[in-house]
Amino acid sequence: MTAPLEFGLDTFGDVTKDATGSMLPHAQVIRNVVDEAVLADELGLDFIGLGEHHRADFAISSPETVLAAIASRTKRIHLGSAVTVLSSDDPIRVFQRFATLDAVSNGRAEVILGRGSFTESFPLFGFDLRKYEELFEEKLDLFAALLSQKPVSWEGKLRPPLKDQLVYPPVENGTLKTWIGVGGSPQSVVRAAHYDLPLMLAIIGGDPERFAPYVDLYHRAFKEFGRPAQPIGVHSPGYVAETDEQAREELWPDYKAMRDRIGRERGWPPMGRDEFVSEAEHGSLYVGSPETVARKIAKTAKALGIARFQLKYSAGPLPHGKLMTSIELYGRKVVPMVREMLG
């Protein structure tokens, strides 16, 4: 018997507008994120993930610190990153911070490791962007060695070796739940299987079913390694309102603002309304009424055989009040509908 689908929420702490249309200070956005997570816990959701960024439009640069604050005000919800940019961090310090979060939350910590889709952290912390791949591969190898919680002897090219080194604090019960966040690289999928780690697919555009080959590759890799496959999750953007029309009208201007701002940095053309509607109807934008969003999640869950769905509920300057309403509808209406659809 397979376990029931888990439901999570993700946010990058997008800097939002107040009631007058003025942008809120980063500090207030962080306090609002804590309130959003508290609501998610009250609704019985399974997970809240906070992304790490180092730029003006996102308020969260230290997810573990905010997650610790959330831990003090919640009882059940699991707490993790979405993602931790391991390439520009120290694997031992990352492990220590999440082991500490696990302690203060009484065993609710998770970490999603990835390379991130932004590169600001590399110059900020003095890492060579030309070693993008090498940094992640070596640091993931060290992090995976730490998960055993036994004395670690390890050697790489980018840092001094370790010999019989214990790392503190240990995780109190079991091991730290660690996912690998993947945006569409076959090598990353196989790497997750190699280290026997769950896979989190970041599907932020196009038909979710185009990721089916990655799911198949993940399962085939585990078969070759002679181990049972780990769970797969999906992270995708979305927004819930009472009707499809209301959801689209409320989300569109702020989603476009976020998309165009990032697009200008990456050479993308401005987003048109047709593209937005196409993503909502056929792609990976879960926007609409509770029933519309539920049907879409259920379809993705069936197509990819996932164990968890994480809705990236924040979108550019979309105000905190609207985010709270979307979370409420997701927890009270969407989740029960999906469970019913999946039987």
C-alpha atoms as a PDB file:
ATOM      1  CA  MET A   1       0.000   0.000   0.000  1.00  0.00           C
ATOM      2  CA  THR A   2       1.462   3.345  -1.022  1.00  0.00           C
ATOM      3  CA  ALA A   3       1.593   6.241   1.417  1.00  0.00           C
ATOM      4  CA  PRO A   4      -0.902   9.086   0.839  1.00  0.00           C
ATOM      5  CA  LEU A   5       0.289  12.094  -1.139  1.00  0.00           C
ATOM      6  CA  GLU A   6       1.869  14.780   1.044  1.00  0.00           C
ATOM      7  CA  PHE A   7       1.071  18.455   0.479  1.00  0.00           C
ATOM      8  CA  GLY A   8       3.522  21.288   0.994  1.00  0.00           C
ATOM      9  CA  LEU A   9       4.020  24.979   0.354  1.00  0.00           C
ATOM     10  CA  ASP A  10       7.132  26.800  -0.824  1.00  0.00           C
ATOM     11  CA  THR A  11       8.070  30.471  -0.777  1.00  0.00           C
ATOM     12  CA  PHE A  12      11.168  32.505  -1.546  1.00  0.00           C
ATOM     13  CA  GLY A  13       9.961  35.332   0.673  1.00  0.00           C
ATOM     14  CA  ASP A  14       9.106  37.480  -2.356  1.00  0.00           C
ATOM     15  CA  VAL A  15       9.060  41.143  -1.346  1.00  0.00           C
ATOM     16  CA  THR A  16       5.389  42.121  -1.373  1.00  0.00           C
ATOM     17  CA  LYS A  17       3.187  45.220  -1.498  1.00  0.00           C
ATOM     18  CA  ASP A  18       1.164  46.687   1.338  1.00  0.00           C
ATOM     19  CA  ALA A  19      -2.441  47.889   1.048  1.00  0.00           C
ATOM     20  CA  THR A  20      -1.311  51.180  -0.519  1.00  0.00           C
ATOM     21  CA  GLY A  21       0.851  49.492  -3.167  1.00  0.00           C
ATOM     22  CA  SER A  22       4.166  50.353  -1.476  1.00  0.00           C
ATOM     23  CA  MET A  23       6.791  47.637  -1.170  1.00  0.00           C
ATOM     24  CA  LEU A  24       7.182  46.241   2.326  1.00  0.00           C
ATOM     25  CA  PRO A  25      10.575  46.173   4.081  1.00  0.00           C
ATOM     26  CA  HIS A  26      12.345  42.827   4.052  1.00  0.00           C
ATOM     27  CA  ALA A  27      11.925  42.457   7.821  1.00  0.00           C
ATOM     28  CA  GLN A  28       8.131  42.660   7.585  1.00  0.00           C
ATOM     29  CA  VAL A  29       8.085  40.167   4.715  1.00  0.00           C
ATOM     30  CA  ILE A  30      10.019  37.686   6.872  1.00  0.00           C
ATOM     31  CA  ARG A  31       7.549  38.144   9.754  1.00  0.00           C
ATOM     32  CA  ASN A  32       4.694  37.599   7.290  1.00  0.00           C
ATOM     33  CA  VAL A  33       6.301  34.373   6.050  1.00  0.00           C
ATOM     34  CA  VAL A  34       6.308  33.094   9.634  1.00  0.00           C
ATOM     35  CA  ASP A  35       2.566  33.855   9.891  1.00  0.00           C
ATOM     36  CA  GLU A  36       1.953  32.085   6.568  1.00  0.00           C
ATOM     37  CA  ALA A  37       3.742  28.984   7.860  1.00  0.00           C
ATOM     38  CA  VAL A  38       1.750  29.058  11.100  1.00  0.00           C
ATOM     39  CA  LEU A  39      -1.466  29.064   9.059  1.00  0.00           C
ATOM     40  CA  ALA A  40      -0.158  26.132   6.987  1.00  0.00           C
ATOM     41  CA  ASP A  41       0.480  24.185  10.200  1.00  0.00           C
ATOM     42  CA  GLU A  42      -3.010  24.980  11.535  1.00  0.00           C
ATOM     43  CA  LEU A  43      -4.478  23.666   8.252  1.00  0.00           C
ATOM     44  CA  GLY A  44      -2.636  20.360   8.639  1.00  0.00           C
ATOM     45  CA  LEU A  45      -0.288  20.766   5.670  1.00  0.00           C
ATOM     46  CA  ASP A  46       2.763  18.515   5.676  1.00  0.00           C
ATOM     47  CA  PHE A  47       5.649  20.800   4.709  1.00  0.00           C
ATOM     48  CA  ILE A  48       6.778  24.413   4.365  1.00  0.00           C
ATOM     49  CA  GLY A  49       9.882  25.142   2.268  1.00  0.00           C
ATOM     50  CA  LEU A  50      11.811  28.421   2.215  1.00  0.00           C
ATOM     51  CA  GLY A  51      14.127  29.271  -0.667  1.00  0.00           C
ATOM     52  CA  GLU A  52      17.575  30.834  -0.241  1.00  0.00           C
ATOM     53  CA  HIS A  53      18.323  33.954  -2.288  1.00  0.00           C
ATOM     54  CA  HIS A  54      20.716  36.888  -2.060  1.00  0.00           C
ATOM     55  CA  ARG A  55      18.993  39.651  -4.022  1.00  0.00           C
ATOM     56  CA  ALA A  56      16.660  42.584  -3.473  1.00  0.00           C
ATOM     57  CA  ASP A  57      13.402  40.959  -4.605  1.00  0.00           C
ATOM     58  CA  PHE A  58      13.526  38.036  -2.133  1.00  0.00           C
ATOM     59  CA  ALA A  59      13.723  38.566   1.634  1.00  0.00           C
ATOM     60  CA  ILE A  60      15.047  35.162   2.761  1.00  0.00           C
ATOM     61  CA  SER A  61      18.802  34.609   2.637  1.00  0.00           C
ATOM     62  CA  SER A  62      18.966  32.355   5.727  1.00  0.00           C
ATOM     63  CA  PRO A  63      16.095  29.841   5.540  1.00  0.00           C
ATOM     64  CA  GLU A  64      17.173  27.908   8.646  1.00  0.00           C
ATOM     65  CA  THR A  65      16.880  31.001  10.844  1.00  0.00           C
ATOM     66  CA  VAL A  66      13.334  31.725   9.690  1.00  0.00           C
ATOM     67  CA  LEU A  67      12.455  28.023   9.942  1.00  0.00           C
ATOM     68  CA  ALA A  68      13.636  28.005  13.565  1.00  0.00           C
ATOM     69  CA  ALA A  69      11.255  30.885  14.273  1.00  0.00           C
ATOM     70  CA  ILE A  70       8.475  28.920  12.560  1.00  0.00           C
ATOM     71  CA  ALA A  71       9.369  25.848  14.630  1.00  0.00           C
ATOM     72  CA  SER A  72       8.691  27.783  17.833  1.00  0.00           C
ATOM     73  CA  ARG A  73       5.126  28.582  16.704  1.00  0.00           C
ATOM     74  CA  THR A  74       4.123  25.303  15.046  1.00  0.00           C
ATOM     75  CA  LYS A  75       3.579  21.719  16.166  1.00  0.00           C
ATOM     76  CA  ARG A  76       3.377  19.350  13.228  1.00  0.00           C
ATOM     77  CA  ILE A  77       4.468  20.760   9.889  1.00  0.00           C
ATOM     78  CA  HIS A  78       7.853  19.692   8.511  1.00  0.00           C
ATOM     79  CA  LEU A  79      10.330  22.504   7.895  1.00  0.00           C
ATOM     80  CA  GLY A  80      12.830  22.688   5.065  1.00  0.00           C
ATOM     81  CA  SER A  81      14.666  24.688   2.445  1.00  0.00           C
ATOM     82  CA  ALA A  82      13.590  25.149  -1.162  1.00  0.00           C
ATOM     83  CA  VAL A  83      16.520  25.047  -1.951  1.00  0.00           C
ATOM     84  CA  THR A  84      19.772  25.365  -0.009  1.00  0.00           C
ATOM     85  CA  VAL A  85      22.459  26.453  -2.488  1.00  0.00           C
ATOM     86  CA  LEU A  86      25.073  23.900  -1.455  1.00  0.00           C
ATOM     87  CA  SER A  87      27.586  24.975  -4.119  1.00  0.00           C
ATOM     88  CA  SER A  88      28.299  28.287  -2.343  1.00  0.00           C
ATOM     89  CA  ASP A  89      28.027  27.009   1.234  1.00  0.00           C
ATOM     90  CA  ASP A  90      29.969  24.701   3.505  1.00  0.00           C
ATOM     91  CA  PRO A  91      28.455  21.194   3.699  1.00  0.00           C
ATOM     92  CA  ILE A  92      29.412  20.744   7.349  1.00  0.00           C
ATOM     93  CA  ARG A  93      27.842  24.049   8.363  1.00  0.00           C
ATOM     94  CA  VAL A  94      24.697  23.252   6.368  1.00  0.00           C
ATOM     95  CA  PHE A  95      24.425  19.900   8.138  1.00  0.00           C
ATOM     96  CA  GLN A  96      24.971  21.522  11.542  1.00  0.00           C
ATOM     97  CA  ARG A  97      22.348  24.199  10.942  1.00  0.00           C
ATOM     98  CA  PHE A  98      19.702  21.712   9.853  1.00  0.00           C
ATOM     99  CA  ALA A  99      20.597  19.264  12.627  1.00  0.00           C
ATOM    100  CA  THR A 100      20.085  22.166  15.037  1.00  0.00           C
ATOM    101  CA  LEU A 101      16.747  22.985  13.377  1.00  0.00           C
ATOM    102  CA  ASP A 102      15.813  19.318  13.745  1.00  0.00           C
ATOM    103  CA  ALA A 103      16.529  19.551  17.468  1.00  0.00           C
ATOM    104  CA  VAL A 104      14.507  22.714  18.124  1.00  0.00           C
ATOM    105  CA  SER A 105      11.600  21.419  16.004  1.00  0.00           C
ATOM    106  CA  ASN A 106      11.602  17.967  17.620  1.00  0.00           C
ATOM    107  CA  GLY A 107      12.513  16.066  14.459  1.00  0.00           C
ATOM    108  CA  ARG A 108      10.726  18.074  11.750  1.00  0.00           C
ATOM    109  CA  ALA A 109      13.695  19.357   9.733  1.00  0.00           C
ATOM    110  CA  GLU A 110      14.377  18.519   6.101  1.00  0.00           C
ATOM    111  CA  VAL A 111      16.821  19.975   3.608  1.00  0.00           C
ATOM    112  CA  ILE A 112      16.493  20.225  -0.183  1.00  0.00           C
ATOM    113  CA  LEU A 113      19.940  20.633  -1.700  1.00  0.00           C
ATOM    114  CA  GLY A 114      20.402  22.200  -5.108  1.00  0.00           C
ATOM    115  CA  ARG A 115      22.426  24.540  -7.242  1.00  0.00           C
ATOM    116  CA  GLY A 116      19.699  27.166  -7.412  1.00  0.00           C
ATOM    117  CA  SER A 117      18.605  29.056 -10.506  1.00  0.00           C
ATOM    118  CA  PHE A 118      20.345  32.293  -9.419  1.00  0.00           C
ATOM    119  CA  THR A 119      24.097  32.808  -9.104  1.00  0.00           C
ATOM    120  CA  GLU A 120      24.422  35.854  -6.789  1.00  0.00           C
ATOM    121  CA  SER A 121      25.765  33.698  -3.955  1.00  0.00           C
ATOM    122  CA  PHE A 122      28.920  32.760  -5.887  1.00  0.00           C
ATOM    123  CA  PRO A 123      30.584  36.211  -6.004  1.00  0.00           C
ATOM    124  CA  LEU A 124      29.031  37.125  -2.637  1.00  0.00           C
ATOM    125  CA  PHE A 125      30.804  34.273  -0.845  1.00  0.00           C
ATOM    126  CA  GLY A 126      33.892  34.194  -3.045  1.00  0.00           C
ATOM    127  CA  PHE A 127      33.253  31.110  -5.195  1.00  0.00           C
ATOM    128  CA  ASP A 128      34.303  30.735  -8.819  1.00  0.00           C
ATOM    129  CA  LEU A 129      31.223  30.423 -11.033  1.00  0.00           C
ATOM    130  CA  ARG A 130      33.358  28.564 -13.574  1.00  0.00           C
ATOM    131  CA  LYS A 131      33.458  25.686 -11.063  1.00  0.00           C
ATOM    132  CA  TYR A 132      29.640  25.569 -10.872  1.00  0.00           C
ATOM    133  CA  GLU A 133      29.422  21.813 -11.507  1.00  0.00           C
ATOM    134  CA  GLU A 134      32.560  20.804  -9.646  1.00  0.00           C
ATOM    135  CA  LEU A 135      31.570  22.700  -6.494  1.00  0.00           C
ATOM    136  CA  PHE A 136      28.163  21.053  -6.270  1.00  0.00           C
ATOM    137  CA  GLU A 137      29.409  17.536  -7.030  1.00  0.00           C
ATOM    138  CA  GLU A 138      32.187  17.638  -4.435  1.00  0.00           C
ATOM    139  CA  LYS A 139      30.143  19.311  -1.715  1.00  0.00           C
ATOM    140  CA  LEU A 140      27.235  16.908  -2.218  1.00  0.00           C
ATOM    141  CA  ASP A 141      29.677  14.001  -1.879  1.00  0.00           C
ATOM    142  CA  LEU A 142      30.827  15.357   1.488  1.00  0.00           C
ATOM    143  CA  PHE A 143      27.280  16.119   2.656  1.00  0.00           C
ATOM    144  CA  ALA A 144      26.160  12.585   1.781  1.00  0.00           C
ATOM    145  CA  ALA A 145      29.041  11.210   3.860  1.00  0.00           C
ATOM    146  CA  LEU A 146      27.858  13.242   6.863  1.00  0.00           C
ATOM    147  CA  LEU A 147      24.369  11.693   6.771  1.00  0.00           C
ATOM    148  CA  SER A 148      25.639   8.408   8.240  1.00  0.00           C
ATOM    149  CA  GLN A 149      26.527  10.299  11.460  1.00  0.00           C
ATOM    150  CA  LYS A 150      29.611   8.103  11.821  1.00  0.00           C
ATOM    151  CA  PRO A 151      33.203   9.393  11.883  1.00  0.00           C
ATOM    152  CA  VAL A 152      33.883  10.754   8.393  1.00  0.00           C
ATOM    153  CA  SER A 153      37.100  10.301   6.455  1.00  0.00           C
ATOM    154  CA  TRP A 154      36.806  12.178   3.185  1.00  0.00           C
ATOM    155  CA  GLU A 155      39.045  13.814   0.598  1.00  0.00           C
ATOM    156  CA  GLY A 156      38.291  16.150  -2.301  1.00  0.00           C
ATOM    157  CA  LYS A 157      40.033  18.783  -4.401  1.00  0.00           C
ATOM    158  CA  LEU A 158      38.438  22.010  -3.145  1.00  0.00           C
ATOM    159  CA  ARG A 159      38.939  21.791   0.634  1.00  0.00           C
ATOM    160  CA  PRO A 160      41.251  20.044   3.115  1.00  0.00           C
ATOM    161  CA  PRO A 161      40.497  16.357   3.833  1.00  0.00           C
ATOM    162  CA  LEU A 162      38.720  15.008   6.911  1.00  0.00           C
ATOM    163  CA  LYS A 163      39.930  12.043   8.972  1.00  0.00           C
ATOM    164  CA  ASP A 164      37.614  10.272  11.430  1.00  0.00           C
ATOM    165  CA  GLN A 165      35.750  13.523  11.976  1.00  0.00           C
ATOM    166  CA  LEU A 166      32.480  13.582  13.922  1.00  0.00           C
ATOM    167  CA  VAL A 167      30.090  16.502  13.320  1.00  0.00           C
ATOM    168  CA  TYR A 168      27.843  17.964  16.019  1.00  0.00           C
ATOM    169  CA  PRO A 169      25.040  18.138  16.936  1.00  0.00           C
ATOM    170  CA  PRO A 170      23.955  14.702  15.764  1.00  0.00           C
ATOM    171  CA  VAL A 171      20.404  14.268  14.492  1.00  0.00           C
ATOM    172  CA  GLU A 172      18.467  12.900  17.439  1.00  0.00           C
ATOM    173  CA  ASN A 173      16.422  10.197  15.700  1.00  0.00           C
ATOM    174  CA  GLY A 174      17.366   8.561  12.414  1.00  0.00           C
ATOM    175  CA  THR A 175      18.986  10.665   9.708  1.00  0.00           C
ATOM    176  CA  LEU A 176      18.340  14.151   8.360  1.00  0.00           C
ATOM    177  CA  LYS A 177      15.811  13.888   5.518  1.00  0.00           C
ATOM    178  CA  THR A 178      17.679  15.206   2.485  1.00  0.00           C
ATOM    179  CA  TRP A 179      16.240  15.770  -0.992  1.00  0.00           C
ATOM    180  CA  ILE A 180      18.031  16.722  -4.193  1.00  0.00           C
ATOM    181  CA  GLY A 181      16.329  19.555  -6.080  1.00  0.00           C
ATOM    182  CA  VAL A 182      16.479  19.076  -9.860  1.00  0.00           C
ATOM    183  CA  GLY A 183      15.398  21.416 -12.624  1.00  0.00           C
ATOM    184  CA  GLY A 184      15.761  19.082 -15.583  1.00  0.00           C
ATOM    185  CA  SER A 185      19.279  17.634 -15.713  1.00  0.00           C
ATOM    186  CA  PRO A 186      19.545  13.854 -16.295  1.00  0.00           C
ATOM    187  CA  GLN A 187      22.920  13.861 -14.538  1.00  0.00           C
ATOM    188  CA  SER A 188      21.315  15.343 -11.415  1.00  0.00           C
ATOM    189  CA  VAL A 189      18.601  12.674 -11.455  1.00  0.00           C
ATOM    190  CA  VAL A 190      21.169   9.861 -11.580  1.00  0.00           C
ATOM    191  CA  ARG A 191      23.266  11.622  -8.935  1.00  0.00           C
ATOM    192  CA  ALA A 192      20.307  11.658  -6.526  1.00  0.00           C
ATOM    193  CA  ALA A 193      19.844   7.924  -7.058  1.00  0.00           C
ATOM    194  CA  HIS A 194      23.581   7.319  -6.604  1.00  0.00           C
ATOM    195  CA  TYR A 195      23.456   8.899  -3.142  1.00  0.00           C
ATOM    196  CA  ASP A 196      20.141   7.149  -2.325  1.00  0.00           C
ATOM    197  CA  LEU A 197      18.330  10.486  -1.854  1.00  0.00           C
ATOM    198  CA  PRO A 198      14.734  11.552  -2.648  1.00  0.00           C
ATOM    199  CA  LEU A 199      14.207  13.688  -5.750  1.00  0.00           C
ATOM    200  CA  MET A 200      12.407  17.049  -5.832  1.00  0.00           C
ATOM    201  CA  LEU A 201      11.523  18.100  -9.381  1.00  0.00           C
ATOM    202  CA  ALA A 202      11.268  21.872  -9.855  1.00  0.00           C
ATOM    203  CA  ILE A 203       8.699  22.053 -12.666  1.00  0.00           C
ATOM    204  CA  ILE A 204       8.113  25.744 -13.311  1.00  0.00           C
ATOM    205  CA  GLY A 205       7.053  25.724 -16.943  1.00  0.00           C
ATOM    206  CA  GLY A 206       5.566  23.488 -19.619  1.00  0.00           C
ATOM    207  CA  ASP A 207       3.549  20.301 -19.336  1.00  0.00           C
ATOM    208  CA  PRO A 208       4.508  18.474 -16.098  1.00  0.00           C
ATOM    209  CA  GLU A 209       4.267  15.147 -17.933  1.00  0.00           C
ATOM    210  CA  ARG A 210       7.395  16.034 -19.919  1.00  0.00           C
ATOM    211  CA  PHE A 211       9.268  15.107 -16.711  1.00  0.00           C
ATOM    212  CA  ALA A 212       8.091  11.492 -16.956  1.00  0.00           C
ATOM    213  CA  PRO A 213      11.399  10.407 -18.604  1.00  0.00           C
ATOM    214  CA  TYR A 214      13.277  11.778 -15.571  1.00  0.00           C
ATOM    215  CA  VAL A 215      11.042   9.767 -13.245  1.00  0.00           C
ATOM    216  CA  ASP A 216      11.717   6.680 -15.354  1.00  0.00           C
ATOM    217  CA  LEU A 217      15.464   7.385 -15.342  1.00  0.00           C
ATOM    218  CA  TYR A 218      15.426   7.765 -11.541  1.00  0.00           C
ATOM    219  CA  HIS A 219      13.711   4.395 -11.089  1.00  0.00           C
ATOM    220  CA  ARG A 220      16.002   2.687 -13.602  1.00  0.00           C
ATOM    221  CA  ALA A 221      19.065   4.077 -11.821  1.00  0.00           C
ATOM    222  CA  PHE A 222      17.872   2.675  -8.491  1.00  0.00           C
ATOM    223  CA  LYS A 223      17.258  -0.691 -10.125  1.00  0.00           C
ATOM    224  CA  GLU A 224      20.828  -0.729 -11.432  1.00  0.00           C
ATOM    225  CA  PHE A 225      22.144   0.238  -7.990  1.00  0.00           C
ATOM    226  CA  GLY A 226      20.120  -2.630  -6.509  1.00  0.00           C
ATOM    227  CA  ARG A 227      18.122  -0.459  -4.111  1.00  0.00           C
ATOM    228  CA  PRO A 228      14.432   0.443  -3.757  1.00  0.00           C
ATOM    229  CA  ALA A 229      13.666   3.894  -5.183  1.00  0.00           C
ATOM    230  CA  GLN A 230      13.276   6.915  -2.904  1.00  0.00           C
ATOM    231  CA  PRO A 231      10.228   9.243  -3.049  1.00  0.00           C
ATOM    232  CA  ILE A 232       9.772  11.885  -5.734  1.00  0.00           C
ATOM    233  CA  GLY A 233       8.243  15.318  -5.149  1.00  0.00           C
ATOM    234  CA  VAL A 234       7.184  18.191  -7.395  1.00  0.00           C
ATOM    235  CA  HIS A 235       7.596  21.935  -6.746  1.00  0.00           C
ATOM    236  CA  SER A 236       5.478  24.180  -8.987  1.00  0.00           C
ATOM    237  CA  PRO A 237       4.016  27.707  -8.806  1.00  0.00           C
ATOM    238  CA  GLY A 238       0.342  28.393  -8.239  1.00  0.00           C
ATOM    239  CA  TYR A 239      -2.398  30.476  -6.687  1.00  0.00           C
ATOM    240  CA  VAL A 240      -5.902  29.610  -5.469  1.00  0.00           C
ATOM    241  CA  ALA A 241      -8.979  31.884  -5.350  1.00  0.00           C
ATOM    242  CA  GLU A 242     -12.719  31.223  -5.273  1.00  0.00           C
ATOM    243  CA  THR A 243     -13.051  31.140  -9.086  1.00  0.00           C
ATOM    244  CA  ASP A 244     -10.743  30.617 -12.060  1.00  0.00           C
ATOM    245  CA  GLU A 245     -11.359  34.161 -13.264  1.00  0.00           C
ATOM    246  CA  GLN A 246     -10.621  35.702  -9.872  1.00  0.00           C
ATOM    247  CA  ALA A 247      -7.429  33.677  -9.459  1.00  0.00           C
ATOM    248  CA  ARG A 248      -6.105  34.679 -12.877  1.00  0.00           C
ATOM    249  CA  GLU A 249      -7.008  38.360 -12.515  1.00  0.00           C
ATOM    250  CA  GLU A 250      -5.425  38.608  -9.055  1.00  0.00           C
ATOM    251  CA  LEU A 251      -2.250  36.708  -9.939  1.00  0.00           C
ATOM    252  CA  TRP A 252      -1.547  38.002 -13.449  1.00  0.00           C
ATOM    253  CA  PRO A 253      -0.086  41.496 -12.807  1.00  0.00           C
ATOM    254  CA  ASP A 254       2.217  40.388  -9.976  1.00  0.00           C
ATOM    255  CA  TYR A 255       3.247  37.135 -11.657  1.00  0.00           C
ATOM    256  CA  LYS A 256       4.113  39.114 -14.813  1.00  0.00           C
ATOM    257  CA  ALA A 257       6.091  41.648 -12.757  1.00  0.00           C
ATOM    258  CA  MET A 258       8.195  38.864 -11.226  1.00  0.00           C
ATOM    259  CA  ARG A 259       8.615  36.969 -14.495  1.00  0.00           C
ATOM    260  CA  ASP A 260       9.585  40.077 -16.489  1.00  0.00           C
ATOM    261  CA  ARG A 261      12.065  41.254 -13.854  1.00  0.00           C
ATOM    262  CA  ILE A 262      13.894  37.926 -13.936  1.00  0.00           C
ATOM    263  CA  GLY A 263      13.449  37.728 -17.704  1.00  0.00           C
ATOM    264  CA  ARG A 264      15.239  41.055 -18.241  1.00  0.00           C
ATOM    265  CA  GLU A 265      18.300  39.604 -16.494  1.00  0.00           C
ATOM    266  CA  ARG A 266      18.217  36.465 -18.620  1.00  0.00           C
ATOM    267  CA  GLY A 267      17.291  37.882 -22.010  1.00  0.00           C
ATOM    268  CA  TRP A 268      13.706  36.619 -22.111  1.00  0.00           C
ATOM    269  CA  PRO A 269      10.953  38.606 -23.837  1.00  0.00           C
ATOM    270  CA  PRO A 270       8.203  40.093 -21.628  1.00  0.00           C
ATOM    271  CA  MET A 271       5.490  37.630 -20.655  1.00  0.00           C
ATOM    272  CA  GLY A 272       2.251  38.001 -22.591  1.00  0.00           C
ATOM    273  CA  ARG A 273      -1.203  37.198 -21.289  1.00  0.00           C
ATOM    274  CA  ASP A 274      -1.536  34.324 -23.792  1.00  0.00           C
ATOM    275  CA  GLU A 275       1.568  32.634 -22.370  1.00  0.00           C
ATOM    276  CA  PHE A 276       0.218  33.066 -18.836  1.00  0.00           C
ATOM    277  CA  VAL A 277      -3.149  31.540 -19.774  1.00  0.00           C
ATOM    278  CA  SER A 278      -1.440  28.677 -21.612  1.00  0.00           C
ATOM    279  CA  GLU A 279       0.662  27.862 -18.558  1.00  0.00           C
ATOM    280  CA  ALA A 280      -2.475  27.951 -16.389  1.00  0.00           C
ATOM    281  CA  GLU A 281      -4.409  25.664 -18.734  1.00  0.00           C
ATOM    282  CA  HIS A 282      -1.746  23.283 -20.021  1.00  0.00           C
ATOM    283  CA  GLY A 283       1.507  23.978 -18.184  1.00  0.00           C
ATOM    284  CA  SER A 284       2.910  24.032 -14.669  1.00  0.00           C
ATOM    285  CA  LEU A 285       1.052  27.038 -13.254  1.00  0.00           C
ATOM    286  CA  TYR A 286      -1.548  25.729 -10.784  1.00  0.00           C
ATOM    287  CA  VAL A 287      -3.852  28.747 -10.770  1.00  0.00           C
ATOM    288  CA  GLY A 288      -7.626  28.780 -10.437  1.00  0.00           C
ATOM    289  CA  SER A 289     -10.497  27.710  -8.236  1.00  0.00           C
ATOM    290  CA  PRO A 290      -9.926  24.958  -5.663  1.00  0.00           C
ATOM    291  CA  GLU A 291     -11.463  22.371  -8.001  1.00  0.00           C
ATOM    292  CA  THR A 292      -9.339  23.468 -10.975  1.00  0.00           C
ATOM    293  CA  VAL A 293      -6.123  23.385  -8.968  1.00  0.00           C
ATOM    294  CA  ALA A 294      -7.058  20.065  -7.350  1.00  0.00           C
ATOM    295  CA  ARG A 295      -7.722  18.420 -10.718  1.00  0.00           C
ATOM    296  CA  LYS A 296      -4.384  19.621 -12.021  1.00  0.00           C
ATOM    297  CA  ILE A 297      -2.443  18.391  -8.973  1.00  0.00           C
ATOM    298  CA  ALA A 298      -4.193  15.014  -9.120  1.00  0.00           C
ATOM    299  CA  LYS A 299      -3.315  14.684 -12.808  1.00  0.00           C
ATOM    300  CA  THR A 300       0.360  15.444 -12.129  1.00  0.00           C
ATOM    301  CA  ALA A 301       0.432  13.071  -9.150  1.00  0.00           C
ATOM    302  CA  LYS A 302      -0.953  10.225 -11.261  1.00  0.00           C
ATOM    303  CA  ALA A 303       1.291  10.928 -14.258  1.00  0.00           C
ATOM    304  CA  LEU A 304       4.552  11.126 -12.290  1.00  0.00           C
ATOM    305  CA  GLY A 305       3.807   8.877  -9.310  1.00  0.00           C
ATOM    306  CA  ILE A 306       4.885  11.495  -6.788  1.00  0.00           C
ATOM    307  CA  ALA A 307       4.896  11.299  -2.991  1.00  0.00           C
ATOM    308  CA  ARG A 308       4.654  15.050  -2.349  1.00  0.00           C
ATOM    309  CA  PHE A 309       3.385  18.182  -4.117  1.00  0.00           C
ATOM    310  CA  GLN A 310       4.792  21.560  -3.036  1.00  0.00           C
ATOM    311  CA  LEU A 311       2.937  24.653  -4.254  1.00  0.00           C
ATOM    312  CA  LYS A 312       5.163  27.715  -4.643  1.00  0.00           C
ATOM    313  CA  TYR A 313       2.457  30.076  -3.427  1.00  0.00           C
ATOM    314  CA  SER A 314       4.242  33.439  -3.464  1.00  0.00           C
ATOM    315  CA  ALA A 315       4.611  35.390  -6.712  1.00  0.00           C
ATOM    316  CA  GLY A 316       6.411  38.705  -6.884  1.00  0.00           C
ATOM    317  CA  PRO A 317       4.693  41.575  -5.045  1.00  0.00           C
ATOM    318  CA  LEU A 318       1.382  39.682  -4.577  1.00  0.00           C
ATOM    319  CA  PRO A 319       0.221  40.958  -1.138  1.00  0.00           C
ATOM    320  CA  HIS A 320       0.395  38.950   2.093  1.00  0.00           C
ATOM    321  CA  GLY A 321      -3.384  39.041   2.585  1.00  0.00           C
ATOM    322  CA  LYS A 322      -3.991  37.360  -0.770  1.00  0.00           C
ATOM    323  CA  LEU A 323      -1.310  34.782  -0.027  1.00  0.00           C
ATOM    324  CA  MET A 324      -3.042  33.927   3.267  1.00  0.00           C
ATOM    325  CA  THR A 325      -6.368  33.449   1.460  1.00  0.00           C
ATOM    326  CA  SER A 326      -4.701  31.235  -1.160  1.00  0.00           C
ATOM    327  CA  ILE A 327      -3.080  29.110   1.577  1.00  0.00           C
ATOM    328  CA  GLU A 328      -6.431  28.789   3.351  1.00  0.00           C
ATOM    329  CA  LEU A 329      -8.179  27.578   0.182  1.00  0.00           C
ATOM    330  CA  TYR A 330      -5.306  25.202  -0.612  1.00  0.00           C
ATOM    331  CA  GLY A 331      -5.448  23.605   2.834  1.00  0.00           C
ATOM    332  CA  ARG A 332      -9.211  23.565   3.381  1.00  0.00           C
ATOM    333  CA  LYS A 333     -10.463  22.794  -0.133  1.00  0.00           C
ATOM    334  CA  VAL A 334      -7.748  21.757  -2.600  1.00  0.00           C
ATOM    335  CA  VAL A 335      -6.057  19.118  -0.439  1.00  0.00           C
ATOM    336  CA  PRO A 336      -9.279  17.217   0.470  1.00  0.00           C
ATOM    337  CA  MET A 337     -10.388  17.314  -3.185  1.00  0.00           C
ATOM    338  CA  VAL A 338      -7.075  15.880  -4.416  1.00  0.00           C
ATOM    339  CA  ARG A 339      -7.215  13.114  -1.804  1.00  0.00           C
ATOM    340  CA  GLU A 340     -10.722  12.237  -2.931  1.00  0.00           C
ATOM    341  CA  MET A 341      -9.697  12.253  -6.609  1.00  0.00           C
ATOM    342  CA  LEU A 342      -6.768   9.959  -5.886  1.00  0.00           C
ATOM    343  CA  GLY A 343      -8.910   7.635  -3.791  1.00  0.00           C
END
